[in-house]
PDB file of all heavy atoms in Angstrom:
ATOM      1  N   HIS A   1      -8.273   9.694  -1.593  1.00  0.00           N
ATOM      2  CA  HIS A   1      -9.194  10.430  -0.712  1.00  0.00           C
ATOM      3  C   HIS A   1      -8.754  11.881  -0.542  1.00  0.00           C
ATOM      4  O   HIS A   1      -9.601  12.797  -0.517  1.00  0.00           O
ATOM      5  CB  HIS A   1      -9.272   9.736   0.649  1.00  0.00           C
ATOM      6  CG  HIS A   1     -10.269   8.624   0.697  1.00  0.00           C
ATOM      7  ND1 HIS A   1     -11.595   8.809   0.999  1.00  0.00           N
ATOM      8  CD2 HIS A   1     -10.135   7.297   0.450  1.00  0.00           C
ATOM      9  CE1 HIS A   1     -12.236   7.654   0.954  1.00  0.00           C
ATOM     10  NE2 HIS A   1     -11.367   6.714   0.623  1.00  0.00           N
ATOM     11  N   VAL A   2      -7.462  12.094  -0.398  1.00  0.00           N
ATOM     12  CA  VAL A   2      -6.959  13.467  -0.255  1.00  0.00           C
ATOM     13  C   VAL A   2      -7.272  14.280  -1.509  1.00  0.00           C
ATOM     14  O   VAL A   2      -7.754  15.412  -1.426  1.00  0.00           O
ATOM     15  CB  VAL A   2      -5.443  13.459   0.034  1.00  0.00           C
ATOM     16  CG1 VAL A   2      -4.866  14.870  -0.053  1.00  0.00           C
ATOM     17  CG2 VAL A   2      -5.168  12.857   1.410  1.00  0.00           C
ATOM     18  N   ALA A   3      -7.014  13.699  -2.676  1.00  0.00           N
ATOM     19  CA  ALA A   3      -7.288  14.404  -3.930  1.00  0.00           C
ATOM     20  C   ALA A   3      -8.782  14.644  -4.113  1.00  0.00           C
ATOM     21  O   ALA A   3      -9.192  15.677  -4.663  1.00  0.00           O
ATOM     22  CB  ALA A   3      -6.728  13.608  -5.102  1.00  0.00           C
ATOM     23  N   LEU A   4      -9.597  13.710  -3.653  1.00  0.00           N
ATOM     24  CA  LEU A   4     -11.052  13.842  -3.760  1.00  0.00           C
ATOM     25  C   LEU A   4     -11.611  14.811  -2.731  1.00  0.00           C
ATOM     26  O   LEU A   4     -12.727  15.300  -2.865  1.00  0.00           O
ATOM     27  CB  LEU A   4     -11.690  12.459  -3.572  1.00  0.00           C
ATOM     28  CG  LEU A   4     -13.184  12.291  -3.807  1.00  0.00           C
ATOM     29  CD1 LEU A   4     -13.530  12.531  -5.275  1.00  0.00           C
ATOM     30  CD2 LEU A   4     -13.646  10.908  -3.363  1.00  0.00           C
ATOM     31  N   ASP A   5     -10.827  15.110  -1.699  1.00  0.00           N
ATOM     32  CA  ASP A   5     -11.237  15.934  -0.562  1.00  0.00           C
ATOM     33  C   ASP A   5     -12.331  15.251   0.261  1.00  0.00           C
ATOM     34  O   ASP A   5     -13.255  15.884   0.748  1.00  0.00           O
ATOM     35  CB  ASP A   5     -11.706  17.322  -1.017  1.00  0.00           C
ATOM     36  CG  ASP A   5     -11.795  18.318   0.141  1.00  0.00           C
ATOM     37  OD1 ASP A   5     -11.061  18.138   1.137  1.00  0.00           O
ATOM     38  OD2 ASP A   5     -12.610  19.257   0.062  1.00  0.00           O
ATOM     39  N   SER A   6     -12.194  13.924   0.390  1.00  0.00           N
ATOM     40  CA  SER A   6     -13.137  13.154   1.202  1.00  0.00           C
ATOM     41  C   SER A   6     -12.418  12.582   2.410  1.00  0.00           C
ATOM     42  O   SER A   6     -11.467  11.809   2.258  1.00  0.00           O
ATOM     43  CB  SER A   6     -13.742  12.001   0.388  1.00  0.00           C
ATOM     44  OG  SER A   6     -14.456  11.131   1.246  1.00  0.00           O
ATOM     45  N   PRO A   7     -12.866  12.900   3.632  1.00  0.00           N
ATOM     46  CA  PRO A   7     -12.254  12.311   4.827  1.00  0.00           C
ATOM     47  C   PRO A   7     -12.753  10.893   5.102  1.00  0.00           C
ATOM     48  O   PRO A   7     -12.290  10.260   6.052  1.00  0.00           O
ATOM     49  CB  PRO A   7     -12.701  13.258   5.940  1.00  0.00           C
ATOM     50  CG  PRO A   7     -14.052  13.724   5.480  1.00  0.00           C
ATOM     51  CD  PRO A   7     -13.954  13.839   3.963  1.00  0.00           C
ATOM     52  N   SER A   8     -13.652  10.384   4.270  1.00  0.00           N
ATOM     53  CA  SER A   8     -14.340   9.119   4.558  1.00  0.00           C
ATOM     54  C   SER A   8     -13.478   7.909   4.197  1.00  0.00           C
ATOM     55  O   SER A   8     -13.866   7.052   3.393  1.00  0.00           O
ATOM     56  CB  SER A   8     -15.679   9.078   3.823  1.00  0.00           C
ATOM     57  OG  SER A   8     -16.481  10.185   4.171  1.00  0.00           O
ATOM     58  N   TYR A   9     -12.322   7.851   4.812  1.00  0.00           N
ATOM     59  CA  TYR A   9     -11.354   6.771   4.620  1.00  0.00           C
ATOM     60  C   TYR A   9     -11.370   5.919   5.873  1.00  0.00           C
ATOM     61  O   TYR A   9     -11.073   6.392   6.973  1.00  0.00           O
ATOM     62  CB  TYR A   9      -9.967   7.370   4.377  1.00  0.00           C
ATOM     63  CG  TYR A   9      -8.818   6.383   4.360  1.00  0.00           C
ATOM     64  CD1 TYR A   9      -8.599   5.561   3.262  1.00  0.00           C
ATOM     65  CD2 TYR A   9      -7.938   6.294   5.432  1.00  0.00           C
ATOM     66  CE1 TYR A   9      -7.533   4.664   3.239  1.00  0.00           C
ATOM     67  CE2 TYR A   9      -6.866   5.412   5.420  1.00  0.00           C
ATOM     68  CZ  TYR A   9      -6.672   4.594   4.320  1.00  0.00           C
ATOM     69  OH  TYR A   9      -5.618   3.716   4.304  1.00  0.00           O
ATOM     70  N   TYR A  10     -11.750   4.656   5.721  1.00  0.00           N
ATOM     71  CA  TYR A  10     -11.912   3.744   6.846  1.00  0.00           C
ATOM     72  C   TYR A  10     -11.051   2.508   6.629  1.00  0.00           C
ATOM     73  O   TYR A  10     -10.874   2.052   5.496  1.00  0.00           O
ATOM     74  CB  TYR A  10     -13.373   3.296   6.979  1.00  0.00           C
ATOM     75  CG  TYR A  10     -14.358   4.401   7.249  1.00  0.00           C
ATOM     76  CD1 TYR A  10     -14.894   5.162   6.211  1.00  0.00           C
ATOM     77  CD2 TYR A  10     -14.784   4.687   8.544  1.00  0.00           C
ATOM     78  CE1 TYR A  10     -15.816   6.178   6.450  1.00  0.00           C
ATOM     79  CE2 TYR A  10     -15.700   5.694   8.796  1.00  0.00           C
ATOM     80  CZ  TYR A  10     -16.214   6.441   7.739  1.00  0.00           C
ATOM     81  OH  TYR A  10     -17.120   7.443   7.989  1.00  0.00           O
ATOM     82  N   THR A  11     -10.535   1.928   7.731  1.00  0.00           N
ATOM     83  CA  THR A  11      -9.804   0.661   7.640  1.00  0.00           C
ATOM     84  C   THR A  11     -10.201  -0.224   8.816  1.00  0.00           C
ATOM     85  O   THR A  11     -10.867   0.205   9.758  1.00  0.00           O
ATOM     86  CB  THR A  11      -8.270   0.845   7.654  1.00  0.00           C
ATOM     87  OG1 THR A  11      -7.805   0.971   9.006  1.00  0.00           O
ATOM     88  CG2 THR A  11      -7.821   2.043   6.837  1.00  0.00           C
ATOM     89  N   SER A  12      -9.746  -1.461   8.764  1.00  0.00           N
ATOM     90  CA  SER A  12     -10.049  -2.411   9.836  1.00  0.00           C
ATOM     91  C   SER A  12      -9.284  -2.118  11.118  1.00  0.00           C
ATOM     92  O   SER A  12      -9.613  -2.680  12.171  1.00  0.00           O
ATOM     93  CB  SER A  12      -9.754  -3.841   9.369  1.00  0.00           C
ATOM     94  OG  SER A  12      -8.417  -3.961   8.927  1.00  0.00           O
ATOM     95  N   ILE A  13      -8.295  -1.241  11.071  1.00  0.00           N
ATOM     96  CA  ILE A  13      -7.547  -0.909  12.292  1.00  0.00           C
ATOM     97  C   ILE A  13      -8.476  -0.389  13.377  1.00  0.00           C
ATOM     98  O   ILE A  13      -8.344  -0.734  14.553  1.00  0.00           O
ATOM     99  CB  ILE A  13      -6.439   0.125  11.989  1.00  0.00           C
ATOM    100  CG1 ILE A  13      -5.262  -0.542  11.270  1.00  0.00           C
ATOM    101  CG2 ILE A  13      -5.940   0.781  13.277  1.00  0.00           C
ATOM    102  CD1 ILE A  13      -4.143   0.404  10.924  1.00  0.00           C
ATOM    103  N   THR A  14      -9.441   0.449  12.982  1.00  0.00           N
ATOM    104  CA  THR A  14     -10.304   1.058  13.991  1.00  0.00           C
ATOM    105  C   THR A  14     -11.441   0.138  14.414  1.00  0.00           C
ATOM    106  O   THR A  14     -12.297   0.543  15.202  1.00  0.00           O
ATOM    107  CB  THR A  14     -10.864   2.401  13.492  1.00  0.00           C
ATOM    108  OG1 THR A  14     -11.424   2.239  12.176  1.00  0.00           O
ATOM    109  CG2 THR A  14      -9.767   3.453  13.437  1.00  0.00           C
ATOM    110  N   ILE A  15     -11.448  -1.111  13.933  1.00  0.00           N
ATOM    111  CA  ILE A  15     -12.380  -2.102  14.469  1.00  0.00           C
ATOM    112  C   ILE A  15     -11.823  -2.732  15.737  1.00  0.00           C
ATOM    113  O   ILE A  15     -12.558  -2.987  16.688  1.00  0.00           O
ATOM    114  CB  ILE A  15     -12.678  -3.205  13.423  1.00  0.00           C
ATOM    115  CG1 ILE A  15     -13.542  -2.638  12.293  1.00  0.00           C
ATOM    116  CG2 ILE A  15     -13.389  -4.393  14.075  1.00  0.00           C
ATOM    117  CD1 ILE A  15     -13.890  -3.666  11.234  1.00  0.00           C
ATOM    118  N   ASP A  16     -10.492  -2.979  15.766  1.00  0.00           N
ATOM    119  CA  ASP A  16      -9.989  -3.789  16.879  1.00  0.00           C
ATOM    120  C   ASP A  16      -8.771  -3.259  17.613  1.00  0.00           C
ATOM    121  O   ASP A  16      -8.415  -3.814  18.648  1.00  0.00           O
ATOM    122  CB  ASP A  16      -9.700  -5.218  16.404  1.00  0.00           C
ATOM    123  CG  ASP A  16      -8.657  -5.288  15.284  1.00  0.00           C
ATOM    124  OD1 ASP A  16      -7.970  -4.291  15.034  1.00  0.00           O
ATOM    125  OD2 ASP A  16      -8.538  -6.355  14.664  1.00  0.00           O
ATOM    126  N   GLN A  17      -8.099  -2.190  17.158  1.00  0.00           N
ATOM    127  CA  GLN A  17      -6.893  -1.789  17.889  1.00  0.00           C
ATOM    128  C   GLN A  17      -6.460  -0.336  17.684  1.00  0.00           C
ATOM    129  O   GLN A  17      -5.261  -0.055  17.637  1.00  0.00           O
ATOM    130  CB  GLN A  17      -5.738  -2.709  17.506  1.00  0.00           C
ATOM    131  CG  GLN A  17      -5.468  -2.823  16.023  1.00  0.00           C
ATOM    132  CD  GLN A  17      -4.431  -3.870  15.701  1.00  0.00           C
ATOM    133  OE1 GLN A  17      -3.499  -4.101  16.461  1.00  0.00           O
ATOM    134  NE2 GLN A  17      -4.584  -4.518  14.563  1.00  0.00           N
ATOM    135  N   PRO A  18      -7.382   0.615  17.579  1.00  0.00           N
ATOM    136  CA  PRO A  18      -6.940   1.995  17.351  1.00  0.00           C
ATOM    137  C   PRO A  18      -6.150   2.592  18.504  1.00  0.00           C
ATOM    138  O   PRO A  18      -5.291   3.447  18.288  1.00  0.00           O
ATOM    139  CB  PRO A  18      -8.257   2.753  17.132  1.00  0.00           C
ATOM    140  CG  PRO A  18      -9.286   1.923  17.814  1.00  0.00           C
ATOM    141  CD  PRO A  18      -8.847   0.510  17.620  1.00  0.00           C
ATOM    142  N   ALA A  19      -6.421   2.136  19.738  1.00  0.00           N
ATOM    143  CA  ALA A  19      -5.692   2.701  20.879  1.00  0.00           C
ATOM    144  C   ALA A  19      -4.216   2.365  20.815  1.00  0.00           C
ATOM    145  O   ALA A  19      -3.359   3.175  21.186  1.00  0.00           O
ATOM    146  CB  ALA A  19      -6.291   2.195  22.187  1.00  0.00           C
ATOM    147  N   LYS A  20      -3.906   1.160  20.311  1.00  0.00           N
ATOM    148  CA  LYS A  20      -2.525   0.678  20.307  1.00  0.00           C
ATOM    149  C   LYS A  20      -1.665   1.398  19.281  1.00  0.00           C
ATOM    150  O   LYS A  20      -0.451   1.503  19.445  1.00  0.00           O
ATOM    151  CB  LYS A  20      -2.528  -0.829  20.042  1.00  0.00           C
ATOM    152  CG  LYS A  20      -1.163  -1.471  20.042  1.00  0.00           C
ATOM    153  CD  LYS A  20      -1.232  -2.972  20.271  1.00  0.00           C
ATOM    154  CE  LYS A  20      -2.127  -3.674  19.295  1.00  0.00           C
ATOM    155  NZ  LYS A  20      -2.288  -5.103  19.616  1.00  0.00           N
ATOM    156  N   VAL A  21      -2.274   1.857  18.201  1.00  0.00           N
ATOM    157  CA  VAL A  21      -1.489   2.405  17.094  1.00  0.00           C
ATOM    158  C   VAL A  21      -1.805   3.870  16.833  1.00  0.00           C
ATOM    159  O   VAL A  21      -1.728   4.336  15.698  1.00  0.00           O
ATOM    160  CB  VAL A  21      -1.704   1.577  15.812  1.00  0.00           C
ATOM    161  CG1 VAL A  21      -1.087   0.204  15.950  1.00  0.00           C
ATOM    162  CG2 VAL A  21      -3.188   1.452  15.462  1.00  0.00           C
ATOM    163  N   GLY A  22      -2.136   4.613  17.875  1.00  0.00           N
ATOM    164  CA  GLY A  22      -2.370   6.032  17.666  1.00  0.00           C
ATOM    165  C   GLY A  22      -2.882   6.764  18.886  1.00  0.00           C
ATOM    166  O   GLY A  22      -2.268   7.722  19.366  1.00  0.00           O
ATOM    167  N   ILE A  23      -4.001   6.319  19.430  1.00  0.00           N
ATOM    168  CA  ILE A  23      -4.622   7.050  20.532  1.00  0.00           C
ATOM    169  C   ILE A  23      -3.732   7.042  21.768  1.00  0.00           C
ATOM    170  O   ILE A  23      -3.557   8.072  22.437  1.00  0.00           O
ATOM    171  CB  ILE A  23      -6.003   6.457  20.849  1.00  0.00           C
ATOM    172  CG1 ILE A  23      -6.947   6.665  19.665  1.00  0.00           C
ATOM    173  CG2 ILE A  23      -6.592   7.082  22.106  1.00  0.00           C
ATOM    174  CD1 ILE A  23      -8.268   5.941  19.778  1.00  0.00           C
ATOM    175  N   GLY A  24      -3.149   5.887  22.082  1.00  0.00           N
ATOM    176  CA  GLY A  24      -2.275   5.810  23.252  1.00  0.00           C
ATOM    177  C   GLY A  24      -1.099   6.751  23.164  1.00  0.00           C
ATOM    178  O   GLY A  24      -0.754   7.451  24.127  1.00  0.00           O
ATOM    179  N   GLN A  25      -0.467   6.811  22.000  1.00  0.00           N
ATOM    180  CA  GLN A  25       0.687   7.696  21.800  1.00  0.00           C
ATOM    181  C   GLN A  25       0.262   9.159  21.792  1.00  0.00           C
ATOM    182  O   GLN A  25       0.986  10.031  22.277  1.00  0.00           O
ATOM    183  CB  GLN A  25       1.382   7.333  20.488  1.00  0.00           C
ATOM    184  CG  GLN A  25       2.005   5.950  20.472  1.00  0.00           C
ATOM    185  CD  GLN A  25       1.018   4.850  20.138  1.00  0.00           C
ATOM    186  OE1 GLN A  25      -0.181   5.090  19.987  1.00  0.00           O
ATOM    187  NE2 GLN A  25       1.521   3.634  19.989  1.00  0.00           N
ATOM    188  N   ALA A  26      -0.913   9.444  21.247  1.00  0.00           N
ATOM    189  CA  ALA A  26      -1.391  10.824  21.212  1.00  0.00           C
ATOM    190  C   ALA A  26      -1.640  11.361  22.615  1.00  0.00           C
ATOM    191  O   ALA A  26      -1.380  12.534  22.900  1.00  0.00           O
ATOM    192  CB  ALA A  26      -2.672  10.904  20.380  1.00  0.00           C
ATOM    193  N   ARG A  27      -2.128  10.518  23.495  1.00  0.00           N
ATOM    194  CA  ARG A  27      -2.466  10.962  24.847  1.00  0.00           C
ATOM    195  C   ARG A  27      -1.255  11.026  25.767  1.00  0.00           C
ATOM    196  O   ARG A  27      -1.131  11.940  26.585  1.00  0.00           O
ATOM    197  CB  ARG A  27      -3.497  10.018  25.461  1.00  0.00           C
ATOM    198  CG  ARG A  27      -4.816   9.957  24.736  1.00  0.00           C
ATOM    199  CD  ARG A  27      -5.732   8.923  25.342  1.00  0.00           C
ATOM    200  NE  ARG A  27      -6.347   9.389  26.570  1.00  0.00           N
ATOM    201  CZ  ARG A  27      -6.934   8.595  27.460  1.00  0.00           C
ATOM    202  NH1 ARG A  27      -6.936   7.290  27.269  1.00  0.00           N
ATOM    203  NH2 ARG A  27      -7.489   9.094  28.545  1.00  0.00           N
ATOM    204  N   MET A  28      -0.370  10.059  25.661  1.00  0.00           N
ATOM    205  CA  MET A  28       0.740   9.949  26.616  1.00  0.00           C
ATOM    206  C   MET A  28       2.059  10.439  26.057  1.00  0.00           C
ATOM    207  O   MET A  28       2.934  10.874  26.810  1.00  0.00           O
ATOM    208  CB  MET A  28       0.887   8.488  27.044  1.00  0.00           C
ATOM    209  CG  MET A  28       2.004   8.230  28.035  1.00  0.00           C
ATOM    210  SD  MET A  28       2.028   6.469  28.491  1.00  0.00           S
ATOM    211  CE  MET A  28       3.531   6.404  29.449  1.00  0.00           C
ATOM    212  N   GLY A  29       2.218  10.406  24.745  1.00  0.00           N
ATOM    213  CA  GLY A  29       3.522  10.603  24.135  1.00  0.00           C
ATOM    214  C   GLY A  29       4.179   9.245  23.917  1.00  0.00           C
ATOM    215  O   GLY A  29       3.616   8.199  24.238  1.00  0.00           O
ATOM    216  N   PHE A  30       5.389   9.255  23.399  1.00  0.00           N
ATOM    217  CA  PHE A  30       6.094   7.991  23.159  1.00  0.00           C
ATOM    218  C   PHE A  30       7.598   8.225  23.192  1.00  0.00           C
ATOM    219  O   PHE A  30       8.070   9.363  23.141  1.00  0.00           O
ATOM    220  CB  PHE A  30       5.660   7.361  21.828  1.00  0.00           C
ATOM    221  CG  PHE A  30       5.851   8.240  20.620  1.00  0.00           C
ATOM    222  CD1 PHE A  30       6.998   8.141  19.844  1.00  0.00           C
ATOM    223  CD2 PHE A  30       4.883   9.160  20.254  1.00  0.00           C
ATOM    224  CE1 PHE A  30       7.179   8.941  18.732  1.00  0.00           C
ATOM    225  CE2 PHE A  30       5.052   9.977  19.138  1.00  0.00           C
ATOM    226  CZ  PHE A  30       6.197   9.867  18.373  1.00  0.00           C
ATOM    227  N   TRP A  31       8.342   7.137  23.269  1.00  0.00           N
ATOM    228  CA  TRP A  31       9.789   7.193  23.430  1.00  0.00           C
ATOM    229  C   TRP A  31      10.452   7.100  22.064  1.00  0.00           C
ATOM    230  O   TRP A  31      10.254   6.126  21.334  1.00  0.00           O
ATOM    231  CB  TRP A  31      10.253   6.065  24.341  1.00  0.00           C
ATOM    232  CG  TRP A  31      11.701   6.145  24.738  1.00  0.00           C
ATOM    233  CD1 TRP A  31      12.716   5.352  24.318  1.00  0.00           C
ATOM    234  CD2 TRP A  31      12.277   7.075  25.655  1.00  0.00           C
ATOM    235  NE1 TRP A  31      13.903   5.725  24.912  1.00  0.00           N
ATOM    236  CE2 TRP A  31      13.660   6.795  25.737  1.00  0.00           C
ATOM    237  CE3 TRP A  31      11.760   8.134  26.410  1.00  0.00           C
ATOM    238  CZ2 TRP A  31      14.525   7.518  26.549  1.00  0.00           C
ATOM    239  CZ3 TRP A  31      12.622   8.860  27.220  1.00  0.00           C
ATOM    240  CH2 TRP A  31      13.987   8.559  27.285  1.00  0.00           C
ATOM    241  N   LEU A  32      11.238   8.098  21.720  1.00  0.00           N
ATOM    242  CA  LEU A  32      11.839   8.176  20.395  1.00  0.00           C
ATOM    243  C   LEU A  32      12.872   7.076  20.165  1.00  0.00           C
ATOM    244  O   LEU A  32      13.125   6.685  19.025  1.00  0.00           O
ATOM    245  CB  LEU A  32      12.482   9.557  20.201  1.00  0.00           C
ATOM    246  CG  LEU A  32      12.836   9.973  18.779  1.00  0.00           C
ATOM    247  CD1 LEU A  32      11.619   9.909  17.864  1.00  0.00           C
ATOM    248  CD2 LEU A  32      13.418  11.388  18.779  1.00  0.00           C
ATOM    249  N   GLY A  33      13.451   6.567  21.233  1.00  0.00           N
ATOM    250  CA  GLY A  33      14.458   5.512  21.104  1.00  0.00           C
ATOM    251  C   GLY A  33      13.884   4.119  20.974  1.00  0.00           C
ATOM    252  O   GLY A  33      14.636   3.164  20.758  1.00  0.00           O
TER     253      GLY A  33
END
């Protein structure tokens, strides 16, 4: 997708748990330890 210059990359993660593996950390931060 990067080589094609297409952002249209989709996975099943964003069907059921995107907050747990990205959005939550983006908004609050996370603990490096």
